[in-house]
C-alpha cells in the first residue's frame, strides 16, 4: 500500500498527441463529430430554441361567461315542465379555473325538517325496532337520525330528517329528462397571461377581435381557431373524438350523467417576432372514466334552494348532473439571449470530445494491433537525477535517434508484410 500511494503521488501525466494513419478510425471520428454537430444545430438550436431564454413563470387568470336558455318537458314531477336559464344551470355562478353547467336534474320539492321513513335500500333497512337502535344513531348512507322504531310497511327505520326523503332513482325516460338546447349554449373564455421576465401581457382577445366579431363567431379548430366563444356541444365533440367531424351525438350521451372536460389554453410566445403573433391555442379532453358501465363516470352534486313557507324553513333539494369544465393554462415566452446561446453552444462543442473517446476505445481495446498502439500512445519517463544539462540533452538525442530507427524498422516490417500478402 505504501509503494502504491508513493507511486501515485509521485507521478504526473501529460497528454501525448499521436497521429494514427487509419481510414476506418478517421472516418469513424468524423462521423461522430458530424453527428454531434447535426444534433447541436437541429435538436438544440432549431427544435428546442437553445439560443433563447424561456420564461415559464407566467402569471395567468381565466374568466368565463355562459349564455343560453333551456327547458324540460317531463311528466316526472321531480323534473317537471319548466324554463331553465343561466342562473339556474350555472352553479356556482363564478368559480376559479372551472365552470359547471347543469344538463340534468332531480328536484325534491318542499322539504321541511320532520320525522319520516327512510328510503328502501339506502342502508337503514329493518325488520324490528331493535335494528334501528340506539335512538339518535346516524346512518352513514341514509338521510337522517334514527328515532329507534321500524316502519314495517316500508321495512325501513323512522328517522328525523328533511322530509320527504329524496328519491334520486333514474327517471323512466332519461333522454326526455335532460335539459333541452344545452348543446347550443356558448361559453366565453377570456384568458390573460403576464410574463414577468419580459414584462409583457397578452389576452385571448387578440388584436383583430372586436365586439361585432364576438357576437357572430364560434370556435372551430380550422375555420376559426382564435375565437374565444365556444359552443358546448362542439367542446364535447372535440374532447370525445377530436379527429371526427363535430357532432352533438357525444353531448346527448354525456348530458344524462354528466362528465368532466378540461379546456387547455396554450401560449407559446416568441418575442423575437411581433408581439401580435403571440396567440393562444385550444385543446379539449374528457377526464372522467366513462366506459358505458363505469360507476365513476359522470359528475353530479346536490345543492339546496332555501325559502320560508308559513314561517317554516323549507327547501328544494336539487341533485344536479352536468358538465364540469376545468380551464388549464400553459404559457411560456422566449427571446434571443446571448448567455443562453453561449452556454448551449459551449456544452454542445464539449460533446465533440466523445469522438476522441470512442476512437481511443476502438484503438486501445478492439484493434488487432492494440498493444503496439498502447506502446506508442503511452510513454513513461523516469525523473533524471544528478545529471547536468549536457548529459540530459545527449540522452534525449539518443532516445530520439532510437525512436526513429524503430519507426524505420516497423515501416520495413510492414512493407515486407504487404509484399508477402501481395505475392
Protein backbone atom coordinates (compact mmCIF):
# COMPACT_ATOMS: atom_id res chain seq x y z
CA UNK A 1 0.00 0.00 0.00
CA UNK A 2 2.85 2.37 0.81
CA UNK A 3 4.52 1.74 -2.52
CA UNK A 4 1.19 2.22 -4.30
CA UNK A 5 0.46 5.60 -2.70
CA UNK A 6 4.03 6.79 -3.22
CA UNK A 7 3.93 5.85 -6.90
CA UNK A 8 0.55 7.54 -7.38
CA UNK A 9 1.55 10.73 -5.57
CA UNK A 10 4.89 11.00 -7.32
CA UNK A 11 3.59 10.60 -10.84
CA UNK A 12 2.42 13.24 -13.34
CA UNK A 13 0.59 12.58 -16.61
CA UNK A 14 0.55 14.83 -19.68
CA UNK A 15 -1.25 14.19 -22.99
CA UNK A 16 0.74 12.88 -25.91
CA UNK A 17 -0.52 13.55 -29.41
CA UNK A 18 -0.26 10.53 -31.69
CA UNK A 19 -1.33 10.74 -35.33
CA UNK A 20 -2.88 7.44 -36.46
CA UNK A 21 -2.97 6.87 -40.22
CA UNK A 22 -6.14 4.75 -40.44
CA UNK A 23 -9.05 5.23 -42.82
CA UNK A 24 -11.52 3.38 -40.58
CA UNK A 25 -10.66 5.35 -37.45
CA UNK A 26 -10.54 8.62 -39.35
CA UNK A 27 -13.96 8.09 -40.93
CA UNK A 28 -15.45 6.95 -37.59
CA UNK A 29 -14.05 10.05 -35.87
CA UNK A 30 -15.53 12.39 -38.49
CA UNK A 31 -18.90 10.62 -38.47
CA UNK A 32 -19.22 11.02 -34.70
CA UNK A 33 -18.23 14.69 -34.93
CA UNK A 34 -20.69 15.39 -37.76
CA UNK A 35 -23.47 13.61 -35.81
CA UNK A 36 -22.82 15.77 -32.75
CA UNK A 37 -22.78 18.96 -34.85
CA UNK A 38 -26.08 17.99 -36.54
CA UNK A 39 -27.59 17.25 -33.11
CA UNK A 40 -26.38 20.63 -31.85
CA UNK A 41 -27.84 22.57 -34.79
CA UNK A 42 -31.14 20.74 -35.29
CA UNK A 43 -32.15 19.50 -31.83
CA UNK A 44 -30.58 22.09 -29.52
CA UNK A 45 -30.95 25.27 -31.55
CA UNK A 46 -33.80 24.67 -34.01
CA UNK A 47 -36.15 22.31 -32.15
CA UNK A 48 -35.50 23.40 -28.54
CA UNK A 49 -34.59 27.02 -29.32
CA UNK A 50 -31.29 26.81 -27.49
CA UNK A 51 -30.43 30.37 -28.47
CA UNK A 52 -33.42 31.77 -26.50
CA UNK A 53 -34.19 32.22 -22.83
CA UNK A 54 -37.58 30.64 -21.99
CA UNK A 55 -39.73 32.33 -19.35
CA UNK A 56 -42.06 29.69 -17.86
CA UNK A 57 -43.02 31.70 -14.77
CA UNK A 58 -46.12 33.15 -16.39
CA UNK A 59 -48.99 34.51 -14.29
CA UNK A 60 -52.38 33.57 -15.72
CA UNK A 61 -56.06 34.02 -14.92
CA UNK A 62 -59.14 32.94 -16.84
CA UNK A 63 -62.69 34.28 -16.70
CA UNK A 64 -65.78 32.61 -18.17
CA UNK A 65 -69.33 33.62 -19.06
CA UNK A 66 -72.21 31.40 -20.21
CA UNK A 67 -75.11 32.36 -22.48
CA UNK A 68 -78.25 30.32 -23.22
CA UNK A 69 -81.76 29.26 -22.14
CA UNK A 70 -83.06 25.70 -21.74
CA UNK A 71 -86.27 23.89 -20.76
CA UNK A 72 -87.50 20.47 -19.63
CA UNK A 73 -90.72 18.74 -20.63
CA UNK A 74 -91.14 15.70 -18.41
CA UNK A 75 -94.10 14.04 -16.70
CA UNK A 76 -91.83 13.22 -13.76
CA UNK A 77 -92.63 15.81 -11.05
CA UNK A 78 -89.01 15.72 -9.90
CA UNK A 79 -88.06 17.33 -13.21
CA UNK A 80 -91.28 18.88 -14.46
CA UNK A 81 -92.07 21.26 -17.26
CA UNK A 82 -90.17 24.49 -16.80
CA UNK A 83 -87.71 27.00 -18.21
CA UNK A 84 -84.08 26.98 -17.02
CA UNK A 85 -81.80 29.96 -17.56
CA UNK A 86 -78.16 30.63 -16.75
CA UNK A 87 -78.89 31.48 -13.10
CA UNK A 88 -80.49 28.04 -12.66
CA UNK A 89 -77.93 25.98 -14.58
CA UNK A 90 -74.54 27.56 -13.82
CA UNK A 91 -73.71 26.60 -10.22
CA UNK A 92 -71.88 28.36 -8.64
CA UNK A 93 -72.06 31.48 -10.83
CA UNK A 94 -68.29 32.10 -10.56
CA UNK A 95 -65.58 29.54 -9.87
CA UNK A 96 -61.82 29.94 -10.16
CA UNK A 97 -60.49 28.00 -13.14
CA UNK A 98 -63.67 25.95 -13.55
CA UNK A 99 -67.25 26.13 -14.79
CA UNK A 100 -70.25 23.82 -14.17
CA UNK A 101 -73.30 23.66 -16.46
CA UNK A 102 -76.29 21.55 -15.39
CA UNK A 103 -77.57 19.17 -18.08
CA UNK A 104 -79.94 17.04 -15.99
CA UNK A 105 -81.54 17.43 -12.56
CA UNK A 106 -83.68 15.62 -9.99
CA UNK A 107 -85.51 18.06 -7.71
CA UNK A 108 -87.09 17.10 -4.37
CA UNK A 109 -89.63 19.85 -3.68
CA UNK A 110 -90.70 21.45 -0.39
CA UNK A 111 -88.56 19.59 2.11
CA UNK A 112 -89.01 20.52 5.76
CA UNK A 113 -87.36 19.12 8.87
CA UNK A 114 -89.50 16.45 10.48
CA UNK A 115 -89.97 12.70 11.05
CA UNK A 116 -90.43 10.27 8.13
CA UNK A 117 -89.34 6.83 6.96
CA UNK A 118 -86.09 6.18 5.19
CA UNK A 119 -85.87 5.11 1.56
CA UNK A 120 -85.73 1.37 1.00
CA UNK A 121 -82.30 0.01 0.19
CA UNK A 122 -80.41 3.06 1.47
CA UNK A 123 -78.72 1.32 4.44
CA UNK A 124 -81.49 1.76 7.05
CA UNK A 125 -83.49 -1.41 6.33
CA UNK A 126 -85.07 -3.12 9.32
CA UNK A 127 -87.40 -5.94 10.39
CA UNK A 128 -87.71 -4.95 14.07
CA UNK A 129 -87.24 -1.88 16.26
CA UNK A 130 -84.00 -3.32 17.57
CA UNK A 131 -82.48 -2.87 14.09
CA UNK A 132 -82.96 0.89 14.47
CA UNK A 133 -81.41 1.16 17.96
CA UNK A 134 -79.99 3.16 19.58
CA UNK A 135 -82.04 6.32 19.23
CA UNK A 136 -80.05 9.14 17.68
CA UNK A 137 -77.96 6.78 15.57
CA UNK A 138 -76.90 8.39 12.26
CA UNK A 139 -76.94 6.12 9.23
CA UNK A 140 -73.90 6.52 7.00
CA UNK A 141 -75.74 6.10 3.71
CA UNK A 142 -79.09 7.47 4.82
CA UNK A 143 -80.58 10.94 5.11
CA UNK A 144 -81.42 11.23 8.83
CA UNK A 145 -81.03 10.32 12.50
CA UNK A 146 -82.81 7.19 13.82
CA UNK A 147 -85.90 7.56 16.02
CA UNK A 148 -85.46 3.98 17.25
CA UNK A 149 -88.53 2.48 15.55
CA UNK A 150 -89.05 0.42 12.41
CA UNK A 151 -91.78 1.06 9.84
CA UNK A 152 -92.88 -2.47 8.95
CA UNK A 153 -94.77 -1.28 5.87
CA UNK A 154 -91.68 0.09 4.14
CA UNK A 155 -89.17 -2.07 6.02
CA UNK A 156 -87.04 0.95 6.89
CA UNK A 157 -86.25 2.90 10.04
CA UNK A 158 -88.09 6.04 11.05
CA UNK A 159 -85.70 8.99 11.04
CA UNK A 160 -85.59 12.68 11.79
CA UNK A 161 -84.55 14.35 8.53
CA UNK A 162 -85.52 16.68 5.71
CA UNK A 163 -88.87 15.25 4.62
CA UNK A 164 -89.94 13.96 2.19
CA UNK A 165 -86.80 11.87 1.69
CA UNK A 166 -85.09 12.37 -1.65
CA UNK A 167 -85.84 9.87 -4.42
CA UNK A 168 -82.83 10.02 -6.73
CA UNK A 169 -83.67 6.98 -8.86
CA UNK A 170 -83.28 7.49 -12.61
CA UNK A 171 -86.32 8.84 -14.48
CA UNK A 172 -88.21 6.34 -16.63
CA UNK A 173 -87.25 8.23 -19.77
CA UNK A 174 -83.77 9.62 -19.22
CA UNK A 175 -83.48 11.14 -22.68
CA UNK A 176 -86.52 13.38 -22.11
CA UNK A 177 -85.37 14.31 -18.61
CA UNK A 178 -82.28 16.19 -19.79
CA UNK A 179 -82.26 19.93 -20.36
CA UNK A 180 -83.01 20.93 -23.94
CA UNK A 181 -80.69 23.09 -26.05
CA UNK A 182 -77.75 22.93 -23.61
CA UNK A 183 -75.56 21.89 -26.54
CA UNK A 184 -76.25 25.31 -28.10
CA UNK A 185 -75.10 27.21 -25.01
CA UNK A 186 -71.97 29.30 -25.56
CA UNK A 187 -69.06 29.74 -23.18
CA UNK A 188 -66.92 32.86 -23.45
CA UNK A 189 -63.41 32.12 -22.16
CA UNK A 190 -61.08 35.07 -21.66
CA UNK A 191 -57.51 34.09 -20.82
CA UNK A 192 -54.99 36.62 -19.51
CA UNK A 193 -51.26 35.89 -19.16
CA UNK A 194 -48.34 38.00 -17.95
CA UNK A 195 -44.66 37.14 -18.46
CA UNK A 196 -42.74 38.88 -15.65
CA UNK A 197 -39.24 38.31 -17.14
CA UNK A 198 -40.16 40.18 -20.33
CA UNK A 199 -42.81 42.36 -18.65
CA UNK A 200 -45.35 41.61 -21.38
CA UNK A 201 -49.04 40.67 -21.10
CA UNK A 202 -51.41 39.03 -23.56
CA UNK A 203 -55.13 38.25 -23.69
CA UNK A 204 -57.20 35.82 -25.76
CA UNK A 205 -58.94 38.93 -27.11
CA UNK A 206 -56.21 39.42 -29.69
CA UNK A 207 -55.85 42.44 -31.97
CA UNK A 208 -58.46 41.73 -34.65
CA UNK A 209 -61.25 40.70 -32.21
CA UNK A 210 -63.95 43.33 -31.64
CA UNK A 211 -67.49 43.36 -30.25
CA UNK A 212 -69.16 42.51 -33.57
CA UNK A 213 -66.79 39.60 -34.14
CA UNK A 214 -67.52 38.18 -30.68
CA UNK A 215 -71.28 38.26 -31.33
CA UNK A 216 -71.05 36.21 -34.52
CA UNK A 217 -68.04 33.89 -34.06
CA UNK A 218 -67.89 30.33 -32.74
CA UNK A 219 -64.64 28.46 -32.17
CA UNK A 220 -63.65 25.94 -34.83
CA UNK A 221 -60.20 24.27 -34.82
CA UNK A 222 -59.56 25.09 -38.50
CA UNK A 223 -62.13 27.69 -39.64
CA UNK A 224 -61.93 30.00 -36.60
CA UNK A 225 -59.14 28.86 -34.22
CA UNK A 226 -58.81 32.15 -32.29
CA UNK A 227 -62.47 32.80 -31.40
CA UNK A 228 -62.82 32.71 -27.57
CA UNK A 229 -66.53 31.79 -27.76
CA UNK A 230 -67.16 28.03 -27.59
CA UNK A 231 -70.37 26.12 -28.26
CA UNK A 232 -70.89 23.47 -25.54
CA UNK A 233 -71.82 20.71 -28.00
CA UNK A 234 -68.68 21.42 -30.03
CA UNK A 235 -66.45 21.23 -26.95
CA UNK A 236 -67.82 17.78 -26.04
CA UNK A 237 -67.41 16.53 -29.60
CA UNK A 238 -63.81 17.78 -29.82
CA UNK A 239 -63.00 16.24 -26.42
CA UNK A 240 -64.54 12.83 -27.21
CA UNK A 241 -63.50 12.50 -30.88
CA UNK A 242 -61.07 15.25 -31.94
CA UNK A 243 -60.35 13.64 -35.32
CA UNK A 244 -64.01 13.16 -36.31
CA UNK A 245 -66.45 15.78 -37.67
CA UNK A 246 -68.16 17.81 -34.95
CA UNK A 247 -71.43 16.17 -33.86
CA UNK A 248 -73.94 16.60 -30.99
CA UNK A 249 -74.29 12.83 -30.50
CA UNK A 250 -71.47 12.82 -27.95
CA UNK A 251 -73.11 15.62 -25.98
CA UNK A 252 -76.50 13.84 -25.85
CA UNK A 253 -74.85 10.77 -24.30
CA UNK A 254 -72.95 12.83 -21.74
CA UNK A 255 -75.93 15.04 -20.79
CA UNK A 256 -77.69 12.24 -18.86
CA UNK A 257 -74.98 11.60 -16.23
CA UNK A 258 -72.59 14.49 -16.84
CA UNK A 259 -68.84 14.48 -17.21
CA UNK A 260 -65.58 16.34 -16.63
CA UNK A 261 -63.91 18.19 -19.51
CA UNK A 262 -60.61 20.07 -19.49
CA UNK A 263 -60.06 23.11 -21.70
CA UNK A 264 -56.32 23.57 -22.19
CA UNK A 265 -55.15 27.01 -23.32
CA UNK A 266 -51.55 27.03 -24.57
CA UNK A 267 -49.45 30.15 -25.05
CA UNK A 268 -46.10 29.73 -26.82
CA UNK A 269 -44.84 33.25 -27.48
CA UNK A 270 -41.70 34.05 -29.47
CA UNK A 271 -40.89 37.69 -28.74
CA UNK A 272 -38.16 37.73 -31.39
CA UNK A 273 -41.11 38.43 -33.69
CA UNK A 274 -44.00 40.87 -33.34
CA UNK A 275 -45.95 40.65 -30.10
CA UNK A 276 -49.18 40.31 -32.11
CA UNK A 277 -48.01 36.89 -33.32
CA UNK A 278 -48.38 35.59 -29.76
CA UNK A 279 -51.75 33.82 -29.93
CA UNK A 280 -53.43 31.09 -27.86
CA UNK A 281 -54.26 27.57 -28.99
CA UNK A 282 -57.00 25.38 -27.51
CA UNK A 283 -57.33 21.67 -26.81
CA UNK A 284 -60.07 19.63 -25.10
CA UNK A 285 -60.11 16.29 -23.29
CA UNK A 286 -62.58 14.26 -21.23
CA UNK A 287 -61.20 13.31 -17.82
CA UNK A 288 -63.87 11.20 -16.07
CA UNK A 289 -63.59 7.47 -16.67
CA UNK A 290 -66.61 6.85 -18.87
CA UNK A 291 -66.86 3.35 -20.36
CA UNK A 292 -70.60 2.70 -20.52
CA UNK A 293 -70.91 0.78 -17.24
CA UNK A 294 -68.43 2.60 -15.01
CA UNK A 295 -69.79 3.73 -11.65
CA UNK A 296 -67.19 6.51 -11.59
CA UNK A 297 -68.28 8.11 -14.85
CA UNK A 298 -70.25 11.33 -14.99
CA UNK A 299 -70.42 14.17 -12.49
CA UNK A 300 -73.14 15.32 -10.07
CA UNK A 301 -73.66 17.10 -6.77
CA UNK A 302 -76.55 18.35 -4.60
CA UNK A 303 -77.38 21.91 -3.67
CA UNK A 304 -80.39 23.35 -1.77
CA UNK A 305 -82.64 26.30 -2.52
CA UNK A 306 -83.90 27.64 0.85
CA UNK A 307 -87.01 29.72 1.47
CA UNK A 308 -89.68 30.21 4.16
CA UNK A 309 -93.23 28.96 3.74
CA UNK A 310 -95.77 29.68 6.53
CA UNK A 311 -92.89 30.82 8.72
CA UNK A 312 -91.22 27.43 8.33
CA UNK A 313 -87.80 26.84 6.80
CA UNK A 314 -88.29 24.94 3.56
CA UNK A 315 -86.02 23.94 0.72
CA UNK A 316 -85.90 22.42 -2.74
CA UNK A 317 -83.07 19.88 -2.98
CA UNK A 318 -81.51 19.73 -6.43
CA UNK A 319 -79.37 16.81 -7.49
CA UNK A 320 -77.62 18.34 -10.49
CA UNK A 321 -75.96 16.28 -13.21
CA UNK A 322 -73.81 18.25 -15.56
CA UNK A 323 -70.50 19.02 -17.19
CA UNK A 324 -67.62 20.40 -15.17
CA UNK A 325 -65.23 22.38 -17.37
CA UNK A 326 -61.78 22.90 -15.89
CA UNK A 327 -59.61 25.52 -17.59
CA UNK A 328 -55.83 24.92 -17.61
CA UNK A 329 -53.38 27.49 -18.95
CA UNK A 330 -49.86 26.54 -20.10
CA UNK A 331 -47.79 29.59 -21.00
CA UNK A 332 -44.19 30.26 -21.93
CA UNK A 333 -42.37 33.08 -23.70
CA UNK A 334 -38.91 33.15 -25.30
CA UNK A 335 -36.46 35.57 -26.86
CA UNK A 336 -32.82 35.51 -28.02
CA UNK A 337 -30.38 35.62 -25.11
CA UNK A 338 -26.61 35.71 -25.65
CA UNK A 339 -25.82 33.97 -22.33
CA UNK A 340 -28.20 31.07 -23.04
CA UNK A 341 -26.81 30.81 -26.58
CA UNK A 342 -23.17 30.61 -25.42
CA UNK A 343 -23.98 28.10 -22.68
CA UNK A 344 -25.69 25.74 -25.11
CA UNK A 345 -23.00 26.25 -27.75
CA UNK A 346 -20.21 25.53 -25.26
CA UNK A 347 -21.85 22.42 -23.86
CA UNK A 348 -22.56 21.20 -27.41
CA UNK A 349 -18.98 21.71 -28.58
CA UNK A 350 -17.72 19.92 -25.46
CA UNK A 351 -19.55 16.84 -26.71
CA UNK A 352 -17.11 16.67 -29.63
CA UNK A 353 -14.71 15.04 -27.18
CA UNK A 354 -16.91 11.93 -27.41
CA UNK A 355 -15.44 11.29 -30.87
CA UNK A 356 -11.92 11.00 -29.45
CA UNK A 357 -13.10 8.79 -26.60
CA UNK A 358 -14.87 6.40 -28.99
CA UNK A 359 -11.85 6.17 -31.30
CA UNK A 360 -9.48 5.63 -28.34
CA UNK A 361 -11.65 2.76 -27.09
CA UNK A 362 -11.51 1.10 -30.53
CA UNK A 363 -7.78 1.79 -30.87
CA UNK A 364 -6.68 0.57 -27.43
CA UNK A 365 -9.11 -2.28 -26.75
CA UNK A 366 -10.60 -3.54 -30.02
CA UNK A 367 -7.92 -3.09 -32.72
CA UNK A 368 -5.81 -6.14 -33.60
CA UNK A 369 -2.62 -4.07 -33.06
CA UNK A 370 -3.82 -2.60 -29.78
CA UNK A 371 -0.59 -3.44 -27.89
CA UNK A 372 1.51 -1.67 -30.49
CA UNK A 373 -0.70 1.43 -30.26
CA UNK A 374 -0.58 1.38 -26.47
CA UNK A 375 3.24 1.38 -26.55
CA UNK A 376 3.27 4.43 -28.82
CA UNK A 377 0.45 6.30 -27.09
CA UNK A 378 1.66 5.93 -23.52
CA UNK A 379 5.27 6.63 -22.57
CA UNK A 380 6.84 6.54 -19.12
CA UNK A 381 9.67 8.99 -18.42
CA UNK A 382 11.73 8.50 -15.27
CA UNK A 383 12.98 11.55 -13.39
CA UNK A 384 16.59 12.37 -14.18
CA UNK A 385 18.64 13.00 -11.02
CA UNK A 386 22.26 14.02 -10.58
CA UNK A 387 22.78 14.79 -14.29
CA UNK A 388 23.88 18.04 -15.85
CA UNK A 389 22.05 19.62 -18.80
CA UNK A 390 24.64 18.34 -21.35
CA UNK A 391 24.06 14.74 -20.26
CA UNK A 392 20.26 15.19 -20.34
CA UNK A 393 20.39 16.61 -23.88
CA UNK A 394 22.55 13.69 -25.03
CA UNK A 395 20.13 11.15 -23.52
CA UNK A 396 17.20 12.83 -25.22
CA UNK A 397 19.06 12.88 -28.56
CA UNK A 398 19.86 9.18 -28.25
CA UNK A 399 16.22 8.44 -27.41
CA UNK A 400 15.01 10.34 -30.49
CA UNK A 401 17.51 8.51 -32.72
CA UNK A 402 16.47 5.13 -31.33
CA UNK A 403 12.78 6.03 -31.83
CA UNK A 404 13.44 6.96 -35.48
CA UNK A 405 15.30 3.68 -36.07
CA UNK A 406 12.44 1.73 -34.52
CA UNK A 407 9.98 3.56 -36.78
CA UNK A 408 12.11 2.67 -39.82
CA UNK A 409 12.24 -0.97 -38.77
CA UNK A 410 8.45 -1.00 -38.26
CA UNK A 411 7.97 0.54 -41.70
CA UNK A 412 10.25 -2.10 -43.27
CA UNK A 413 8.39 -4.86 -41.45
CA UNK A 414 5.05 -3.51 -42.66
CA UNK A 415 6.43 -3.23 -46.21
CA UNK A 416 7.60 -6.88 -46.07
CA UNK A 417 4.21 -7.99 -44.81
CA UNK A 418 2.48 -6.11 -47.63
CA UNK A 419 4.78 -7.67 -50.26
CA UNK A 420 4.14 -11.13 -48.83
CA UNK A 421 0.41 -10.59 -48.87
CA UNK A 422 0.57 -9.39 -52.48
CA UNK A 423 2.64 -12.41 -53.53
